[in-house]
């Protein structure tokens, strides 16, 4: 086995070990009730409930990485293509307008403070993730396909600046020949 192959194997083993630790921590958080859902619920509780605007119902909520949570803890599905295109991240405030015909129209009205990090795209347990800063961040499949990203690619990931998050949004796929990102 070449030195490069051994190095790649060691990196893969470390990432796997880190992933297992994160999964264990997440299970502990779920069992003790200190999950990120609690954080977003608290943010959502402070939002106004606009109610109706003419024939349309209006709801405000917090994006949690996949859905919008309103102040009553009701979850609304956010289309993955919209979340991906808009680069939504957990903590973003959304306004949902429910049209008279039942269609949903989302608008981002309060972006959370963001930071950018560089990580490697992986796929495990049926979920795309980006490993960065010793943590695995889930990303939407729609983002992966939009950017034509592949496992092993280096990507720029947008995450909340102040809150811990399990989710991030892919901003760009970095060129493969950029060694400075290794």
Protein backbone atom coordinates (compact mmCIF):
# COMPACT_ATOMS: atom_id res chain seq x y z
CA UNK A 1 0.00 0.00 0.00
CA UNK A 2 1.43 3.35 -1.01
CA UNK A 3 1.93 6.20 1.43
CA UNK A 4 -0.83 8.22 -0.26
CA UNK A 5 -3.24 5.28 0.07
CA UNK A 6 -2.37 4.84 3.74
CA UNK A 7 -2.89 8.56 4.35
CA UNK A 8 -6.27 8.47 2.60
CA UNK A 9 -7.27 5.44 4.67
CA UNK A 10 -6.25 7.13 7.94
CA UNK A 11 -8.22 10.27 7.00
CA UNK A 12 -11.26 8.14 6.21
CA UNK A 13 -10.94 6.28 9.53
CA UNK A 14 -10.71 9.57 11.45
CA UNK A 15 -13.75 11.01 9.67
CA UNK A 16 -15.69 7.83 10.45
CA UNK A 17 -14.71 8.01 14.13
CA UNK A 18 -15.72 11.70 14.27
CA UNK A 19 -19.03 10.87 12.62
CA UNK A 20 -19.71 8.15 15.20
CA UNK A 21 -18.95 10.60 18.03
CA UNK A 22 -21.30 13.19 16.52
CA UNK A 23 -24.04 10.58 16.16
CA UNK A 24 -23.60 9.56 19.80
CA UNK A 25 -23.77 13.22 20.92
CA UNK A 26 -26.89 13.75 18.82
CA UNK A 27 -28.55 10.72 20.43
CA UNK A 28 -27.70 12.09 23.87
CA UNK A 29 -29.17 15.48 22.91
CA UNK A 30 -32.35 13.81 21.66
CA UNK A 31 -32.67 11.75 24.85
CA UNK A 32 -32.07 14.75 27.13
CA UNK A 33 -34.25 17.12 25.10
CA UNK A 34 -31.48 19.60 24.26
CA UNK A 35 -31.82 19.21 20.51
CA UNK A 36 -31.64 22.03 17.99
CA UNK A 37 -35.43 21.78 17.55
CA UNK A 38 -35.73 23.34 21.00
CA UNK A 39 -33.58 26.30 19.89
CA UNK A 40 -35.70 26.91 16.79
CA UNK A 41 -38.93 26.50 18.79
CA UNK A 42 -37.76 29.24 21.17
CA UNK A 43 -36.99 31.56 18.24
CA UNK A 44 -40.35 30.77 16.61
CA UNK A 45 -42.26 31.53 19.82
CA UNK A 46 -41.12 35.16 19.58
CA UNK A 47 -42.49 35.62 16.05
CA UNK A 48 -45.73 37.36 15.20
CA UNK A 49 -48.54 35.40 13.61
CA UNK A 50 -49.74 37.77 10.89
CA UNK A 51 -52.91 35.72 10.22
CA UNK A 52 -54.71 36.68 7.03
CA UNK A 53 -53.88 39.13 4.28
CA UNK A 54 -57.06 39.27 2.21
CA UNK A 55 -57.82 35.75 1.01
CA UNK A 56 -54.35 34.46 1.93
CA UNK A 57 -53.20 32.96 5.22
CA UNK A 58 -49.77 34.14 6.39
CA UNK A 59 -47.49 32.28 8.80
CA UNK A 60 -44.00 33.18 10.01
CA UNK A 61 -41.52 30.60 11.22
CA UNK A 62 -37.93 29.49 11.56
CA UNK A 63 -36.12 27.26 9.08
CA UNK A 64 -34.54 24.25 10.79
CA UNK A 65 -32.62 22.79 7.85
CA UNK A 66 -35.56 21.04 6.19
CA UNK A 67 -38.84 22.56 7.37
CA UNK A 68 -40.26 25.79 8.78
CA UNK A 69 -41.43 25.71 12.41
CA UNK A 70 -44.05 28.24 13.55
CA UNK A 71 -44.68 29.52 17.07
CA UNK A 72 -47.11 26.66 17.75
CA UNK A 73 -44.46 24.08 16.76
CA UNK A 74 -46.33 23.24 13.56
CA UNK A 75 -43.95 22.25 10.78
CA UNK A 76 -44.39 23.31 7.16
CA UNK A 77 -42.51 21.62 4.31
CA UNK A 78 -40.01 23.91 2.58
CA UNK A 79 -39.26 22.78 -0.99
CA UNK A 80 -35.66 21.57 -1.15
CA UNK A 81 -35.09 23.41 -4.43
CA UNK A 82 -36.15 26.73 -2.83
CA UNK A 83 -34.04 26.11 0.28
CA UNK A 84 -31.06 25.16 -1.86
CA UNK A 85 -31.40 28.05 -4.34
CA UNK A 86 -31.94 30.57 -1.54
CA UNK A 87 -29.09 29.03 0.51
CA UNK A 88 -31.31 28.86 3.58
CA UNK A 89 -29.64 27.81 6.81
CA UNK A 90 -31.09 26.95 10.22
CA UNK A 91 -32.29 30.04 12.05
CA UNK A 92 -33.44 31.93 8.95
CA UNK A 93 -36.88 33.52 9.43
CA UNK A 94 -39.41 32.75 6.70
CA UNK A 95 -42.85 34.07 5.82
CA UNK A 96 -45.24 31.55 4.31
CA UNK A 97 -48.22 32.78 2.34
CA UNK A 98 -50.86 30.10 1.81
CA UNK A 99 -52.76 31.02 -1.35
CA UNK A 100 -56.54 30.50 -1.66
CA UNK A 101 -55.84 27.57 -4.03
CA UNK A 102 -53.71 25.90 -1.30
CA UNK A 103 -50.30 26.62 -2.81
CA UNK A 104 -47.44 27.69 -0.53
CA UNK A 105 -45.24 30.71 -1.28
CA UNK A 106 -42.18 31.18 0.94
CA UNK A 107 -40.12 34.30 1.38
CA UNK A 108 -36.99 34.71 3.48
CA UNK A 109 -37.57 37.75 5.71
CA UNK A 110 -34.86 37.45 8.33
CA UNK A 111 -31.55 35.84 7.44
CA UNK A 112 -29.49 34.70 10.43
CA UNK A 113 -25.82 35.80 10.69
CA UNK A 114 -23.70 33.50 8.52
CA UNK A 115 -20.16 32.24 8.26
CA UNK A 116 -18.41 30.25 5.57
CA UNK A 117 -16.24 27.20 6.07
CA UNK A 118 -14.59 24.75 3.70
CA UNK A 119 -15.18 21.03 3.99
CA UNK A 120 -15.35 17.71 2.14
CA UNK A 121 -18.59 16.25 0.79
CA UNK A 122 -19.38 12.76 2.09
CA UNK A 123 -22.32 10.38 1.94
CA UNK A 124 -23.28 8.17 4.87
CA UNK A 125 -26.47 6.65 6.23
CA UNK A 126 -28.43 7.84 3.19
CA UNK A 127 -27.52 11.50 3.78
CA UNK A 128 -25.05 13.86 2.12
CA UNK A 129 -22.87 15.65 4.66
CA UNK A 130 -19.95 18.04 4.62
CA UNK A 131 -17.11 17.31 7.05
CA UNK A 132 -15.60 20.59 8.22
CA UNK A 133 -13.93 21.76 11.43
CA UNK A 134 -14.27 18.27 12.91
CA UNK A 135 -18.05 18.15 12.45
CA UNK A 136 -20.46 16.69 9.89
CA UNK A 137 -23.09 19.09 8.55
CA UNK A 138 -26.09 17.69 6.69
CA UNK A 139 -26.79 19.25 3.28
CA UNK A 140 -29.79 18.99 0.99
CA UNK A 141 -29.65 16.58 -1.94
CA UNK A 142 -31.01 19.42 -4.12
CA UNK A 143 -27.82 21.43 -3.39
CA UNK A 144 -25.57 18.49 -4.20
CA UNK A 145 -27.29 17.88 -7.54
CA UNK A 146 -27.52 21.59 -8.42
CA UNK A 147 -23.77 22.04 -8.00
CA UNK A 148 -23.05 18.61 -9.58
CA UNK A 149 -20.95 17.88 -6.49
CA UNK A 150 -19.44 14.46 -5.90
CA UNK A 151 -18.30 12.69 -2.76
CA UNK A 152 -14.78 13.88 -1.96
CA UNK A 153 -15.26 17.35 -3.46
CA UNK A 154 -14.21 20.36 -1.39
CA UNK A 155 -17.12 22.75 -0.92
CA UNK A 156 -17.78 26.12 0.65
CA UNK A 157 -20.48 25.66 3.26
CA UNK A 158 -22.64 28.37 4.83
CA UNK A 159 -23.57 27.78 8.48
CA UNK A 160 -25.09 29.91 11.25
CA UNK A 161 -22.41 32.11 12.82
CA UNK A 162 -23.62 31.97 16.41
CA UNK A 163 -25.71 28.79 16.81
CA UNK A 164 -24.65 25.16 16.62
CA UNK A 165 -26.30 23.51 13.66
CA UNK A 166 -26.60 20.07 12.12
CA UNK A 167 -27.33 21.63 8.70
CA UNK A 168 -25.50 23.87 6.29
CA UNK A 169 -26.00 25.17 2.75
CA UNK A 170 -23.55 24.54 -0.07
CA UNK A 171 -22.42 27.82 -1.59
CA UNK A 172 -19.85 26.55 -4.10
CA UNK A 173 -17.84 23.53 -5.15
CA UNK A 174 -14.14 24.37 -5.16
CA UNK A 175 -11.95 23.41 -8.11
CA UNK A 176 -10.24 20.05 -7.59
CA UNK A 177 -6.77 21.43 -8.36
CA UNK A 178 -6.86 23.99 -5.55
CA UNK A 179 -4.38 22.45 -3.11
CA UNK A 180 -4.59 25.39 -0.69
CA UNK A 181 -7.96 24.04 0.46
CA UNK A 182 -6.58 20.59 1.35
